[in-house]
Amino acid sequence: MDGYLIALILVVLWTAMVYYLKRIGWLERHSFSNWGPFLMWKTQGGKNVIERLSRWQRFWRWYAAVSKWVVVVAMFSMLALLVWEAFLVSKVPASSAPSPEMVLGIPGLNPLIPIWYGILGLVVAIVVHEFAHGILTRVGQMAVKSLGLVFLIFPMGAFVEPDEEAISKCDRKRRMNVFAVGPATNIMLALIVAVLFSSVTVASATALHDGPVVMGTVNNAPAQVVGIGYGYQILAIDGVAINNLTAWETFDAPSPNTTVTVTYYYNGNTGSVQVVSGVALVAVSSGLPAANAGLKAGMIIAELNGTVIHNEKDLQDALANTYPNEKVNVTALKYDSSSHMYVVATDVTNITLSSKLKYYQDNGIAVPSDFKDVGFMGINSAYLGVKYSDPNAILTTLSHPYHGVNDASSFVRATLYYIALPFYGLAPVQSPLTQLFVPTGVFAWMGSDGFWIFANCLYWIFWLNLMVGLTNALPAVPLDGGYIFRDGLDGIVERVRKNASPEQRARLVSQITMTLAFFILFLIIWQLVGPRLFGT
């Protein structure tokens, strides 16, 4: 049964149960209330913990001051990111436009967030967020009315219910302290857990073998036809050890459409399989020369411009000897499912190349001053048609995300890549990929499965805390950042327009705050609809 259908059935049954318990009075008798299908349990328990923690007045006032700066930096960073993404909308293909559920950080609804790791991360994020609010509420001498949990089948988080009237009447500084510590605590906890995940945990892992790891295959490409897929590690071809990416890319392969024996490691076992040799297309960009000529992903490039293509280096060398707008001959092979063989694609005989330099310039890719312009096809290719990675590079990506960073631009790219690991199939790290690495040192006792469960928990605690913190830092009411922005703006207006009455000042602040909130909402919606309207 479809996962979404199962989830829908569970939510419907849960909602029916909640309303039945409400009708018979069970919820009220046990300190529960509901908001639609969400069940909220309020308790006085936990107030003593907040009370004891709030006694460290000096520390918490210092922490609140730091938190405000953290939120301000996050606020402007997120706003700048949203504006930057808005300008990129026209470059996003309509087929790659994000769906609405991708914008929501809800485990089980957002397909990127694994449900159990996601629930753990979200619960931790909400608990620390709300407890931080509660502590600073008491530090500011305001009452905490109750604490509680929120359920939607599973516990979804916690909340602290402050005295709203007291918060609305207190001075700006105390109120901003309360709002700032929630998202700031999420962000700071995310950074701490990221260090634990990368520098402490994953840094202890080591690769069992050094051969390329298959991260994906293309339909009708040689590897996919024989069943090689995600998580396979290539150990040898025709008895020749493949112990690094260079050996894979320059392997002295036989002529295209002959067979080779690939030895692999998969899910703890070693095996071998006969595969048709050849460099296959793993991606063909629409509107560019290869696609215009009729080439498709999965096809093998057997010959280009008179050069027989045995490996990726041959293809690169052949293209290096072409020039923009040149018409070159090509021999392509396609898989025939009826005969289970590769046959010549008779409808593809030549390609009119474009300019590689122009492509780089059009897409904002930097080129050195001595760059030599050559013919450009608009393809990604790989031997046997696999998308591959170096196992040690995978570990470096996870354990040393800033490896090789030497300027602000590369720092930003490395940060965004680390956050985007779920898009690249590296968060969570799952079987069979987990079987390619073994923990060492203090983590050796865990074994591969236990080690990666622990590591994945850390990553998703980092990820959800960061998302909750950054989202709440946005200057849009009713988010925490919106209230901080409103109070900060009120202070600025009070100093600039000294003759304005409190009513005039409140009206101006409200207008600016609401305008900014709607602008941010537009930027978020624009990411969903913009590519579908103007995308390439």
Protein backbone atom coordinates (compact mmCIF):
# COMPACT_ATOMS: atom_id res chain seq x y z
CA MET A 1 0.00 0.00 0.00
CA ASP A 2 1.22 3.51 -0.82
CA GLY A 3 2.97 5.20 2.11
CA TYR A 4 0.92 8.39 1.76
CA LEU A 5 -2.31 6.36 1.83
CA ILE A 6 -1.20 4.57 5.01
CA ALA A 7 -0.34 7.92 6.60
CA LEU A 8 -3.73 9.35 5.60
CA ILE A 9 -5.57 6.36 7.10
CA LEU A 10 -3.60 6.67 10.36
CA VAL A 11 -4.31 10.42 10.61
CA VAL A 12 -8.04 9.87 9.95
CA LEU A 13 -8.24 7.14 12.62
CA TRP A 14 -6.22 9.26 15.05
CA THR A 15 -8.47 12.30 14.47
CA ALA A 16 -11.60 10.20 15.02
CA MET A 17 -10.15 8.89 18.30
CA VAL A 18 -9.24 12.42 19.47
CA TYR A 19 -12.76 13.76 18.86
CA TYR A 20 -14.35 10.71 20.49
CA LEU A 21 -12.22 11.18 23.63
CA LYS A 22 -13.14 14.86 23.61
CA ARG A 23 -16.86 14.09 23.34
CA ILE A 24 -16.84 11.71 26.32
CA GLY A 25 -14.84 14.21 28.42
CA TRP A 26 -11.71 12.11 28.70
CA LEU A 27 -9.44 14.84 27.33
CA GLU A 28 -10.57 17.46 29.84
CA ARG A 29 -10.30 15.06 32.80
CA HIS A 30 -6.68 14.27 31.95
CA SER A 31 -5.47 17.82 31.14
CA PHE A 32 -5.60 17.32 27.36
CA SER A 33 -6.96 19.64 24.71
CA ASN A 34 -6.96 19.47 20.94
CA TRP A 35 -6.50 21.70 17.95
CA GLY A 36 -7.90 19.66 15.10
CA PRO A 37 -5.98 16.36 15.07
CA PHE A 38 -3.20 17.79 17.26
CA LEU A 39 -3.43 16.66 20.86
CA MET A 40 -1.93 18.92 23.53
CA TRP A 41 -1.17 17.79 27.06
CA LYS A 42 -0.59 20.54 29.61
CA THR A 43 1.16 19.96 32.91
CA GLN A 44 2.69 21.88 35.77
CA GLY A 45 5.52 19.36 35.83
CA GLY A 46 8.84 20.71 34.61
CA LYS A 47 8.24 24.20 35.97
CA ASN A 48 10.56 23.45 38.87
CA VAL A 49 13.34 22.54 36.41
CA ILE A 50 12.89 25.85 34.59
CA GLU A 51 12.76 27.66 37.93
CA ARG A 52 16.05 26.12 39.08
CA LEU A 53 17.83 26.75 35.78
CA SER A 54 16.66 30.38 35.65
CA ARG A 55 18.50 31.17 38.91
CA TRP A 56 21.74 31.61 36.98
CA GLN A 57 20.66 35.13 36.14
CA ARG A 58 24.02 36.55 35.04
CA PHE A 59 24.73 33.64 32.69
CA TRP A 60 21.31 33.77 31.08
CA ARG A 61 21.47 37.54 30.51
CA TRP A 62 24.85 37.09 28.82
CA TYR A 63 23.44 34.16 26.82
CA ALA A 64 20.44 36.26 25.72
CA ALA A 65 22.75 39.06 24.54
CA VAL A 66 24.74 36.57 22.42
CA SER A 67 21.49 35.01 21.19
CA LYS A 68 20.24 38.30 19.81
CA TRP A 69 23.35 38.66 17.67
CA VAL A 70 23.06 35.04 16.50
CA VAL A 71 19.45 35.65 15.45
CA VAL A 72 20.27 38.94 13.70
CA VAL A 73 23.02 37.25 11.65
CA ALA A 74 20.71 34.32 10.85
CA MET A 75 17.86 36.71 10.02
CA PHE A 76 19.78 38.67 7.40
CA SER A 77 21.51 35.55 6.06
CA MET A 78 18.17 33.81 5.48
CA LEU A 79 16.65 36.92 3.93
CA ALA A 80 19.65 37.27 1.58
CA LEU A 81 19.41 33.57 0.68
CA LEU A 82 15.71 33.86 -0.17
CA VAL A 83 16.34 36.93 -2.36
CA TRP A 84 19.27 35.19 -4.09
CA GLU A 85 17.16 32.10 -4.75
CA ALA A 86 14.39 34.31 -6.19
CA PHE A 87 16.80 35.56 -8.88
CA LEU A 88 17.77 31.96 -9.73
CA VAL A 89 14.19 30.84 -10.33
CA SER A 90 14.33 31.40 -14.09
CA LYS A 91 17.32 29.02 -14.31
CA VAL A 92 15.49 26.15 -12.57
CA PRO A 93 13.82 23.71 -14.99
CA ALA A 94 10.07 23.38 -14.45
CA SER A 95 10.59 19.64 -13.91
CA SER A 96 12.94 20.41 -11.00
CA ALA A 97 10.66 22.90 -9.26
CA PRO A 98 10.25 22.01 -5.57
CA SER A 99 6.92 20.57 -4.50
CA PRO A 100 5.00 22.10 -1.55
CA GLU A 101 5.91 19.26 0.82
CA MET A 102 9.62 20.01 0.23
CA VAL A 103 9.14 23.40 1.90
CA LEU A 104 7.70 21.81 5.04
CA GLY A 105 10.13 20.25 7.51
CA ILE A 106 7.67 17.56 8.62
CA PRO A 107 8.95 13.97 8.87
CA GLY A 108 6.92 11.62 6.72
CA LEU A 109 5.51 14.48 4.63
CA ASN A 110 8.79 15.88 3.34
CA PRO A 111 10.28 12.97 1.32
CA LEU A 112 13.82 14.06 2.19
CA ILE A 113 13.32 13.66 5.94
CA PRO A 114 13.32 10.04 7.16
CA ILE A 115 10.41 9.59 9.54
CA TRP A 116 12.16 8.16 12.63
CA TYR A 117 15.33 10.26 12.43
CA GLY A 118 13.12 13.21 11.55
CA ILE A 119 10.83 12.76 14.57
CA LEU A 120 13.86 12.48 16.87
CA GLY A 121 15.44 15.62 15.44
CA LEU A 122 12.19 17.59 15.50
CA VAL A 123 11.36 16.60 19.09
CA VAL A 124 14.84 17.63 20.28
CA ALA A 125 14.59 20.90 18.34
CA ILE A 126 11.21 21.86 19.76
CA VAL A 127 12.04 20.82 23.34
CA VAL A 128 15.25 22.90 23.52
CA HIS A 129 13.54 25.78 21.70
CA GLU A 130 10.63 25.94 24.12
CA PHE A 131 12.70 25.35 27.26
CA ALA A 132 14.96 28.24 26.25
CA HIS A 133 11.90 30.48 25.92
CA GLY A 134 10.68 29.30 29.33
CA ILE A 135 13.95 29.94 31.12
CA LEU A 136 14.29 33.50 29.80
CA THR A 137 10.63 34.13 30.63
CA ARG A 138 11.44 33.41 34.28
CA VAL A 139 14.74 35.31 34.11
CA GLY A 140 12.63 38.30 33.01
CA GLN A 141 10.38 37.82 36.09
CA MET A 142 7.38 36.70 34.00
CA ALA A 143 5.23 33.70 34.79
CA VAL A 144 5.22 30.34 33.00
CA LYS A 145 1.64 29.08 33.09
CA SER A 146 2.27 25.49 31.98
CA LEU A 147 4.41 23.12 29.96
CA GLY A 148 3.23 20.38 27.66
CA LEU A 149 3.61 17.97 24.79
CA VAL A 150 2.06 17.98 21.33
CA PHE A 151 1.03 14.70 19.69
CA LEU A 152 0.02 13.74 16.17
CA ILE A 153 0.06 9.95 16.59
CA PHE A 154 3.67 10.37 17.76
CA PRO A 155 5.07 13.07 20.08
CA MET A 156 5.78 16.02 17.79
CA GLY A 157 7.38 18.31 20.34
CA ALA A 158 6.96 20.33 23.50
CA PHE A 159 5.76 23.79 24.39
CA VAL A 160 6.07 26.28 27.21
CA GLU A 161 3.02 28.46 27.79
CA PRO A 162 4.11 31.87 29.12
CA ASP A 163 1.91 34.59 30.50
CA GLU A 164 1.19 36.36 27.20
CA GLU A 165 -0.17 39.47 28.89
CA ALA A 166 2.97 39.86 31.00
CA ILE A 167 5.20 39.47 27.91
CA SER A 168 3.21 42.05 25.95
CA LYS A 169 3.53 44.58 28.80
CA CYS A 170 7.21 44.08 29.67
CA ASP A 171 10.02 46.23 28.26
CA ARG A 172 11.47 45.56 24.82
CA LYS A 173 14.79 44.21 26.08
CA ARG A 174 13.24 41.45 28.19
CA ARG A 175 10.76 40.57 25.46
CA MET A 176 13.49 40.37 22.80
CA ASN A 177 15.55 38.17 25.12
CA VAL A 178 12.66 35.70 25.38
CA PHE A 179 12.13 35.54 21.62
CA ALA A 180 15.85 35.40 20.71
CA VAL A 181 16.95 32.45 22.82
CA GLY A 182 14.62 29.95 21.12
CA PRO A 183 16.03 30.05 17.56
CA ALA A 184 19.54 30.89 18.80
CA THR A 185 19.60 27.79 21.02
CA ASN A 186 18.54 25.66 18.04
CA ILE A 187 21.31 27.12 15.88
CA MET A 188 24.02 26.78 18.53
CA LEU A 189 22.96 23.23 19.38
CA ALA A 190 23.01 22.41 15.65
CA LEU A 191 26.63 23.59 15.41
CA ILE A 192 27.68 21.57 18.46
CA VAL A 193 26.00 18.41 17.16
CA ALA A 194 27.52 18.95 13.68
CA VAL A 195 30.98 18.85 15.28
CA LEU A 196 30.04 15.66 17.15
CA PHE A 197 28.72 14.10 13.93
CA SER A 198 31.66 15.05 11.70
CA SER A 199 34.81 15.57 13.71
CA VAL A 200 34.13 13.02 16.43
CA THR A 201 31.91 10.27 15.01
CA VAL A 202 32.35 9.96 11.23
CA ALA A 203 36.03 10.89 11.51
CA SER A 204 36.54 7.55 13.26
CA ALA A 205 35.26 5.52 10.28
CA THR A 206 37.48 4.03 7.60
CA ALA A 207 36.75 2.52 4.17
CA LEU A 208 37.09 -1.26 3.75
CA HIS A 209 38.12 -0.89 0.08
CA ASP A 210 39.29 1.99 -2.09
CA GLY A 211 37.42 1.29 -5.33
CA PRO A 212 34.73 3.63 -6.70
CA VAL A 213 31.32 3.41 -5.08
CA VAL A 214 28.24 3.36 -7.30
CA MET A 215 25.90 6.17 -6.25
CA GLY A 216 23.38 5.56 -9.01
CA THR A 217 22.88 4.15 -12.49
CA VAL A 218 20.97 5.09 -15.63
CA ASN A 219 18.27 3.02 -17.27
CA ASN A 220 19.58 0.90 -20.15
CA ALA A 221 23.21 1.66 -19.32
CA PRO A 222 25.48 -1.43 -19.08
CA ALA A 223 25.73 -1.46 -15.28
CA GLN A 224 21.98 -1.10 -14.78
CA VAL A 225 21.19 -3.85 -17.30
CA VAL A 226 23.13 -6.43 -15.24
CA GLY A 227 21.83 -5.22 -11.86
CA ILE A 228 24.72 -3.13 -10.58
CA GLY A 229 23.24 -0.28 -8.54
CA TYR A 230 23.51 2.01 -5.52
CA GLY A 231 26.03 0.85 -2.93
CA TYR A 232 28.06 -1.48 -5.15
CA GLN A 233 31.81 -0.96 -4.93
CA ILE A 234 33.97 -1.77 -7.95
CA LEU A 235 37.06 -3.78 -6.94
CA ALA A 236 38.45 -4.99 -10.28
CA ILE A 237 37.76 -5.23 -14.01
CA ASP A 238 39.07 -8.25 -15.89
CA GLY A 239 41.32 -8.96 -12.93
CA VAL A 240 42.87 -5.48 -12.90
CA ALA A 241 42.50 -3.84 -9.47
CA ILE A 242 40.51 -0.60 -9.48
CA ASN A 243 41.69 1.06 -6.29
CA ASN A 244 41.02 4.73 -7.10
CA LEU A 245 39.00 6.94 -9.42
CA THR A 246 41.90 7.53 -11.78
CA ALA A 247 42.24 3.78 -12.35
CA TRP A 248 38.50 3.64 -13.07
CA GLU A 249 38.44 6.59 -15.48
CA THR A 250 41.57 5.54 -17.40
CA PHE A 251 41.10 1.76 -17.34
CA ASP A 252 42.42 0.28 -20.60
CA ALA A 253 39.04 -1.12 -21.58
CA PRO A 254 38.43 -3.27 -24.64
CA SER A 255 36.46 -2.04 -27.62
CA PRO A 256 32.92 -0.83 -26.94
CA ASN A 257 30.20 -3.53 -27.01
CA THR A 258 32.57 -6.29 -25.86
CA THR A 259 32.22 -7.76 -22.36
CA VAL A 260 34.34 -7.33 -19.25
CA THR A 261 34.20 -9.08 -15.89
CA VAL A 262 33.46 -6.66 -13.05
CA THR A 263 34.36 -7.77 -9.54
CA TYR A 264 32.38 -5.93 -6.87
CA TYR A 265 31.72 -5.71 -3.13
CA TYR A 266 28.10 -5.37 -2.08
CA ASN A 267 26.30 -5.70 1.25
CA GLY A 268 29.20 -7.54 2.85
CA ASN A 269 29.79 -9.96 -0.04
CA THR A 270 32.14 -10.11 -3.04
CA GLY A 271 30.87 -11.17 -6.48
CA SER A 272 31.44 -10.76 -10.19
CA VAL A 273 29.32 -10.16 -13.28
CA GLN A 274 29.77 -9.88 -17.06
CA VAL A 275 29.09 -6.33 -18.30
CA VAL A 276 29.11 -4.77 -21.75
CA SER A 277 32.06 -2.37 -21.93
CA GLY A 278 31.59 1.23 -22.98
CA VAL A 279 31.29 4.86 -21.91
CA ALA A 280 27.57 5.58 -21.45
CA LEU A 281 25.69 8.84 -21.09
CA VAL A 282 24.37 9.41 -17.57
CA ALA A 283 22.78 12.79 -18.37
CA VAL A 284 21.91 14.67 -21.56
CA SER A 285 20.92 18.33 -21.18
CA SER A 286 17.91 19.37 -23.25
CA GLY A 287 18.46 22.10 -25.81
CA LEU A 288 22.19 21.36 -26.14
CA PRO A 289 23.99 19.60 -29.04
CA ALA A 290 23.83 15.99 -27.80
CA ALA A 291 20.10 16.15 -27.11
CA ASN A 292 19.45 17.98 -30.38
CA ALA A 293 21.26 15.17 -32.23
CA GLY A 294 19.06 12.52 -30.61
CA LEU A 295 21.43 11.14 -27.98
CA LYS A 296 19.75 9.87 -24.79
CA ALA A 297 20.89 8.84 -21.34
CA GLY A 298 21.91 5.18 -21.30
CA MET A 299 23.41 5.19 -24.80
CA ILE A 300 27.05 4.18 -25.28
CA ILE A 301 29.36 6.53 -27.19
CA ALA A 302 31.36 4.04 -29.27
CA GLU A 303 33.16 6.51 -31.52
CA LEU A 304 33.44 10.30 -31.76
CA ASN A 305 35.13 12.27 -34.54
CA GLY A 306 37.04 9.18 -35.66
CA THR A 307 38.25 8.21 -32.16
CA VAL A 308 37.15 4.90 -30.62
CA ILE A 309 35.98 5.62 -27.07
CA HIS A 310 37.27 2.98 -24.64
CA ASN A 311 37.13 5.03 -21.44
CA GLU A 312 36.29 8.50 -20.17
CA LYS A 313 39.76 9.83 -20.94
CA ASP A 314 39.29 8.90 -24.59
CA LEU A 315 36.07 10.91 -24.73
CA GLN A 316 37.68 13.92 -23.05
CA ASP A 317 40.65 13.78 -25.42
CA ALA A 318 38.37 13.48 -28.47
CA LEU A 319 36.38 16.56 -27.43
CA ALA A 320 39.59 18.48 -26.66
CA ASN A 321 40.51 18.14 -30.34
CA THR A 322 37.27 19.73 -31.57
CA TYR A 323 36.25 23.36 -31.93
CA PRO A 324 32.96 25.27 -31.43
CA ASN A 325 30.30 24.83 -34.14
CA GLU A 326 32.15 21.87 -35.66
CA LYS A 327 30.05 19.04 -37.06
CA VAL A 328 31.49 15.70 -35.94
CA ASN A 329 30.55 12.10 -36.66
CA VAL A 330 29.35 9.92 -33.80
CA THR A 331 28.54 6.25 -33.39
CA ALA A 332 26.15 5.56 -30.55
CA LEU A 333 24.85 2.23 -29.25
CA LYS A 334 21.46 1.74 -27.61
CA TYR A 335 20.12 -1.18 -25.61
CA ASP A 336 17.61 -3.41 -27.41
CA SER A 337 15.45 -5.06 -24.75
CA SER A 338 14.12 -7.71 -27.13
CA SER A 339 17.56 -9.09 -28.06
CA HIS A 340 19.25 -8.02 -24.80
CA MET A 341 22.07 -6.55 -26.86
CA TYR A 342 23.44 -3.12 -27.75
CA VAL A 343 22.82 -2.09 -31.34
CA VAL A 344 23.87 0.91 -33.39
CA ALA A 345 21.52 3.89 -33.07
CA THR A 346 21.10 4.52 -36.79
CA ASP A 347 19.17 7.75 -36.22
CA VAL A 348 22.21 9.43 -34.61
CA THR A 349 25.15 9.92 -36.98
CA ASN A 350 26.58 13.38 -36.27
CA ILE A 351 26.53 16.27 -33.82
CA THR A 352 27.03 19.98 -34.36
CA LEU A 353 28.98 21.05 -31.29
CA SER A 354 28.56 24.37 -29.48
CA SER A 355 31.06 26.47 -27.50
CA LYS A 356 32.19 25.25 -24.09
CA LEU A 357 33.32 28.77 -23.19
CA LYS A 358 29.92 30.23 -24.02
CA TYR A 359 28.19 27.57 -21.92
CA TYR A 360 30.40 28.43 -18.95
CA GLN A 361 29.80 32.16 -19.40
CA ASP A 362 26.02 31.71 -19.71
CA ASN A 363 25.94 29.70 -16.49
CA GLY A 364 28.28 31.87 -14.44
CA ILE A 365 31.09 29.29 -14.31
CA ALA A 366 34.51 30.87 -13.81
CA VAL A 367 37.19 30.04 -16.39
CA PRO A 368 40.93 30.74 -16.25
CA SER A 369 42.41 33.40 -18.53
CA ASP A 370 44.25 30.80 -20.62
CA PHE A 371 41.12 28.68 -21.16
CA LYS A 372 41.04 27.08 -24.62
CA ASP A 373 37.57 27.00 -26.13
CA VAL A 374 36.57 23.62 -27.55
CA GLY A 375 33.47 21.86 -28.81
CA PHE A 376 30.73 21.18 -26.28
CA MET A 377 28.11 18.39 -26.28
CA GLY A 378 26.09 19.01 -23.10
CA ILE A 379 26.47 15.57 -21.52
CA ASN A 380 27.66 13.77 -18.43
CA SER A 381 29.18 10.38 -19.09
CA ALA A 382 30.79 7.52 -17.19
CA TYR A 383 32.27 4.13 -17.90
CA LEU A 384 29.46 1.53 -17.76
CA GLY A 385 27.01 4.37 -17.12
CA VAL A 386 27.39 4.64 -13.35
CA LYS A 387 27.37 7.70 -11.13
CA TYR A 388 30.26 7.07 -8.80
CA SER A 389 32.20 8.49 -5.88
CA ASP A 390 35.41 7.80 -4.01
CA PRO A 391 34.67 6.15 -0.62
CA ASN A 392 37.38 8.21 1.06
CA ALA A 393 35.91 11.35 -0.53
CA ILE A 394 32.53 10.40 0.98
CA LEU A 395 34.13 10.16 4.43
CA THR A 396 35.96 13.46 3.89
CA THR A 397 32.71 15.16 2.85
CA LEU A 398 31.02 13.95 6.04
CA SER A 399 33.88 14.32 8.51
CA HIS A 400 35.76 17.36 7.15
CA PRO A 401 33.15 19.44 5.27
CA TYR A 402 35.50 22.44 5.05
CA HIS A 403 38.43 20.48 3.66
CA GLY A 404 40.04 22.57 0.90
CA VAL A 405 38.10 25.74 1.75
CA ASN A 406 40.32 28.78 1.15
CA ASP A 407 37.97 31.74 0.67
CA ALA A 408 34.50 33.03 1.55
CA SER A 409 32.92 31.68 -1.63
CA SER A 410 34.15 28.12 -1.09
CA PHE A 411 33.13 28.36 2.57
CA VAL A 412 29.55 29.19 1.57
CA ARG A 413 29.50 26.39 -1.03
CA ALA A 414 30.83 23.86 1.49
CA THR A 415 28.25 24.94 4.07
CA LEU A 416 25.34 24.66 1.63
CA TYR A 417 26.59 21.26 0.42
CA TYR A 418 26.80 19.98 4.01
CA ILE A 419 23.22 21.09 4.67
CA ALA A 420 22.13 19.55 1.35
CA LEU A 421 23.60 16.07 2.05
CA PRO A 422 20.07 14.53 2.00
CA PHE A 423 19.78 15.59 -1.67
CA TYR A 424 22.94 13.60 -2.49
CA GLY A 425 21.91 10.37 -0.77
CA LEU A 426 24.40 10.88 2.08
CA ALA A 427 21.95 11.63 4.90
CA PRO A 428 20.98 9.31 6.26
CA VAL A 429 23.82 7.00 5.29
CA GLN A 430 21.95 3.77 4.63
CA SER A 431 22.64 0.15 3.80
CA PRO A 432 24.31 -1.04 1.62
CA LEU A 433 26.52 2.08 1.78
CA THR A 434 27.00 1.55 5.51
CA GLN A 435 28.67 -1.81 4.85
CA LEU A 436 31.53 -0.10 3.00
CA PHE A 437 32.87 1.56 6.15
CA VAL A 438 33.86 0.33 9.60
CA PRO A 439 34.07 2.37 12.82
CA THR A 440 37.34 2.43 14.73
CA GLY A 441 38.53 3.65 18.10
CA VAL A 442 35.91 4.24 20.77
CA PHE A 443 33.12 3.44 18.28
CA ALA A 444 34.51 0.07 17.12
CA TRP A 445 32.25 -1.87 19.50
CA MET A 446 29.12 -0.57 17.75
CA GLY A 447 29.61 -2.37 14.46
CA SER A 448 28.67 -0.74 11.15
CA ASP A 449 24.89 -0.81 11.67
CA GLY A 450 24.87 0.60 15.20
CA PHE A 451 27.53 3.16 14.33
CA TRP A 452 25.61 4.60 11.39
CA ILE A 453 22.32 4.65 13.31
CA PHE A 454 24.05 6.75 15.96
CA ALA A 455 25.73 8.97 13.34
CA ASN A 456 22.47 9.48 11.43
CA CYS A 457 20.70 10.49 14.65
CA LEU A 458 23.34 13.16 15.21
CA TYR A 459 23.07 14.49 11.67
CA TRP A 460 19.27 14.82 11.80
CA ILE A 461 19.37 16.44 15.22
CA PHE A 462 21.77 18.95 13.65
CA TRP A 463 19.64 19.36 10.50
CA LEU A 464 16.24 19.82 12.18
CA ASN A 465 17.64 22.16 14.84
CA LEU A 466 19.27 24.26 12.14
CA MET A 467 16.07 24.38 10.08
CA VAL A 468 13.89 25.25 13.10
CA GLY A 469 16.38 27.90 14.23
CA LEU A 470 16.88 29.53 10.82
CA THR A 471 13.18 29.44 9.97
CA ASN A 472 12.22 31.03 13.28
CA ALA A 473 14.88 33.70 12.78
CA LEU A 474 13.12 35.04 9.68
CA PRO A 475 11.79 38.58 10.27
CA ALA A 476 8.17 37.60 9.72
CA VAL A 477 5.48 37.61 12.40
CA PRO A 478 4.43 35.19 13.97
CA LEU A 479 7.96 33.74 13.92
CA ASP A 480 10.34 34.67 16.74
CA GLY A 481 12.46 36.69 14.34
CA GLY A 482 9.38 38.69 13.37
CA TYR A 483 8.78 39.79 16.95
CA ILE A 484 12.47 40.61 17.42
CA PHE A 485 12.45 42.65 14.22
CA ARG A 486 9.26 44.44 15.31
CA ASP A 487 10.68 45.42 18.71
CA GLY A 488 14.03 46.42 17.20
CA LEU A 489 12.29 48.54 14.57
CA ASP A 490 10.11 50.11 17.26
CA GLY A 491 13.25 51.19 19.12
CA ILE A 492 14.73 52.71 15.96
CA VAL A 493 11.50 54.57 15.09
CA GLU A 494 11.26 55.88 18.64
CA ARG A 495 14.73 57.42 18.35
CA VAL A 496 14.29 58.73 14.79
CA ARG A 497 10.74 60.07 15.07
CA LYS A 498 10.81 61.52 18.55
CA ASN A 499 7.68 63.60 18.03
CA ALA A 500 5.51 60.66 16.92
CA SER A 501 2.81 59.53 19.33
CA PRO A 502 2.85 55.90 20.58
CA GLU A 503 -0.15 55.19 18.32
CA GLN A 504 1.59 56.63 15.24
CA ARG A 505 4.76 54.74 16.02
CA ALA A 506 2.87 51.48 16.55
CA ARG A 507 0.99 51.93 13.27
CA LEU A 508 4.18 52.58 11.27
CA VAL A 509 6.02 49.63 12.85
CA SER A 510 3.03 47.36 12.22
CA GLN A 511 2.84 48.40 8.54
CA ILE A 512 6.55 47.78 7.91
CA THR A 513 6.54 44.50 9.82
CA MET A 514 3.52 43.13 7.97
CA THR A 515 4.89 44.27 4.59
CA LEU A 516 8.14 42.43 5.25
CA ALA A 517 6.25 39.31 6.41
CA PHE A 518 4.22 39.22 3.18
CA PHE A 519 7.39 39.83 1.15
CA ILE A 520 9.05 36.81 2.77
CA LEU A 521 5.93 34.71 2.17
CA PHE A 522 6.06 35.77 -1.49
CA LEU A 523 9.73 34.75 -1.76
CA ILE A 524 8.92 31.29 -0.40
CA ILE A 525 5.90 30.80 -2.68
CA TRP A 526 7.91 32.15 -5.62
CA GLN A 527 10.31 29.21 -5.29
CA LEU A 528 7.34 26.87 -5.87
CA VAL A 529 5.56 28.64 -8.72
CA GLY A 530 8.38 30.65 -10.37
CA PRO A 531 10.14 27.71 -12.09
CA ARG A 532 6.80 26.42 -13.37
CA LEU A 533 6.07 29.81 -14.96
CA PHE A 534 9.48 31.00 -16.12
CA GLY A 535 11.87 28.06 -15.61
CA THR A 536 14.04 26.76 -18.43
